[in-house]
């Protein structure tokens, strides 16, 4: 239990104000700090689902502890509890029903324990008993428990069936253990069971998710050889899992043409996938076209954002499929509205996001936890944290212990007039927590992280891989945490979550940022030096990242120097390698950027780019931007322009990032006129300027000594970004630039090196946060000792039953 001295308001002082201020009524007395302690009572996150009677839960826990300690026999088990309760373990039908209910408790392993105890007491189960528990595990997302359940059924009955093996295969996909997924067909062969269409579909979806097209194609061939030719459901499966590889026109077209042969639910999933792929490429016209197959009120162009609609590019005529090819008007589901709200949240368009929510309610679609998370993201992105906190608080009204936490986060106690955007009956999930966490970290910093972790404990939820990604990203970007510390933190919290490519990517990105800053001079003075050909060579420190390797899985061939972080990061890479996780597009982008901007080798960069394409991964604007940046740094603006054109031909929409790279490239060459022409082309194409593009254009004029024009550019274009403060109208160029850059985000924002005191404060805050994860580690270790030998699943990140 945290002591009072660690209360949030009694922390050491810091020169940084981020995250240190809370509502006044929370800071009034020392006694209120105690209300922010973690609750003593363990809360069940699945409390909204049907629950077994408490006496039955107590009986199972009691008998299981006796069994584990070896202090009981079958006879003592029969005499240690009331006969009316014991009957639920002596009758196979009652035991089967009880096991399924135990999945909904705070300890889902109780389902395994019921089956163990009932079997000890003489129950003989059929395979449908294990199937019922497997279904409930899948419904509640307890995928890590699935392999041990299947192993338990095999041990107790001496056999298994195709349904259970398919559930196990699906679980391996969900927990990203792709190494064991490759052995699934051998498992069927060993059990003398014929795989069915569902088996092959699970395998295909898993390999596509893992970006392993070769394996996916092989599975499709094996499926046809087994007598299951590809049909409409196969095309639906492929397109619904293809997002990790990027938009593929032939795949989309085949899926679209199969809609008439699909059931309503599957057809809706396919159209949702097509909409998501269109949104990922900022193809609003394509998204609206697919939306038109839902209710007309959903596909209103005005509701999504008519300003982003563009005309189709050459080669896109296959999307213009007449509605007669589909099965008729479909009904949207919560996923349809969730992705639209998420897209508008990224655009910080709260107004249209709320209109989409209203449309959903008018159509009778009831919001769920995913919709709640999307609405919270939209409010956080718009800077409205208080409403996000309010929405989350209404979902926890049955947990009074959470109220002080929400008050600290910014819940306005007296405000009772907010609209109920999300029903209070929607259960709190870790996805909702993560959506709120992103906004809390921006406003409250690490103090907010501590409160959010307490909120997870109070709601019975555990951090997942997205939670860890948000935390690491905040430490790397906002707190400027050193890579060595990031690695150590990830290793300490990996007791809860397996390391993922996203986690490793955050660490690589931090290392890359350090290398990039060491070899590139930034700022307008450096820009002028380059334009005047007075740039000096920068001494390059020993390389922390190496991209010489041709082994692209799982880290795109990126290796860490043994002299710096090799011993720390090697176990993380080994974990991914053991599960045969393959490289993703984000990590490939980092490899291309490192080759082009740090190593300054465009041959290596293009080779990496081609390798990504050869693996079936489609390039997005980030990959093209990495190539363009490399060519601008080498002074080859002609090739940079050609890469820009190639991006447009590949279906990319003109965007401000690609144009800004060109503007900055011309600025480096002292060609302010061409920089201005590029800026005008950007505006003419309908792209809204941002802080970075205006900064680059003004810098182009400064580089050629035209400071007056540079100042005029800032003053004239400022209103297109934000209102110009009247007091700045007569300010000098330096003041204008410093203030203007504060409107942006990311690397353009002015950052000062942390003082030693600030860094000590940062480490102190981290220590308090890590206390939670360390405590959880002890709990996990204790639970592992409590589990019986054999089939009961380990809840650690590496459950041993997977290899049994």
Foldseek 3Di string as FASTA:
>chain_A
DDDLCVQLQNADDDPDPFQNDFDPVCPPDSVSSVLLDFDPDFAQLLVLDDADDVVLVVLLVVVLLCVQVVNDALVCNCVVDDPVSCVCLQEQVSLLVNLLRCCRGLDNLSSVSSVVSSVRNPDQDDQVSLVSNLVSCVVVVVLLFLLLSQQSVCVSHVAHAQSSLLSVLLSCLVLLLQVVNVCSVVVCVVRVYQHAPSNLLSSLLSCLLLLFVVSNVVSQVVNVVSPHHDALLSLLSCLLRNPLQADDVVSLLSNQLRQQVDDQVSSLSSLLSQLLRCLVQLALVLNLLSCCLEPNVLSPCVLQPVLSHDDDDPPNCSSVDDPVSHNGRGHHAQSNLLSSLQSVLVVLNLPSNVVSLVSCVVSVHAHAQSNLLSNLSSCLSVVNLQVLLVLVVLLCVVQVSLVSLSSRLPHDPPDPPDDNSHHNPHRDALSSLLSSLLSSCRRNNLSNVQSSVSVCSSSSHDDEPSNLLSVLLCCVFVVVHQLQVLLVLCVLLLQQYQQDPSSVLSSLVSLLVVQLPQFDDDDLVQLLCLQVVNHDGGDGDPRQWDQPDPPCPAQHSIAGDPVPCRVSCVVNSVSRVSSPRHYTPSSLLSSLLCVQRRVLHLVSSVVSVVVSVVSSRDDGPSSLLSSLLSCLVVLNLVVSVVSVVVNVVSPRQDEQSSLLSSLLSCLSNLNLVVSVVSVVVCVVSSYQHELSSLQSSLSSCVSNVNNVVSQVSLVVCVVSHPDDDPVCPPPHPVVSLLVSLCSDDGPSHDDDDDDPSSVVSVVVSVVVSSVVSNVVSVVLVVVVSSDHPGSSWRSTSDTPSSVD
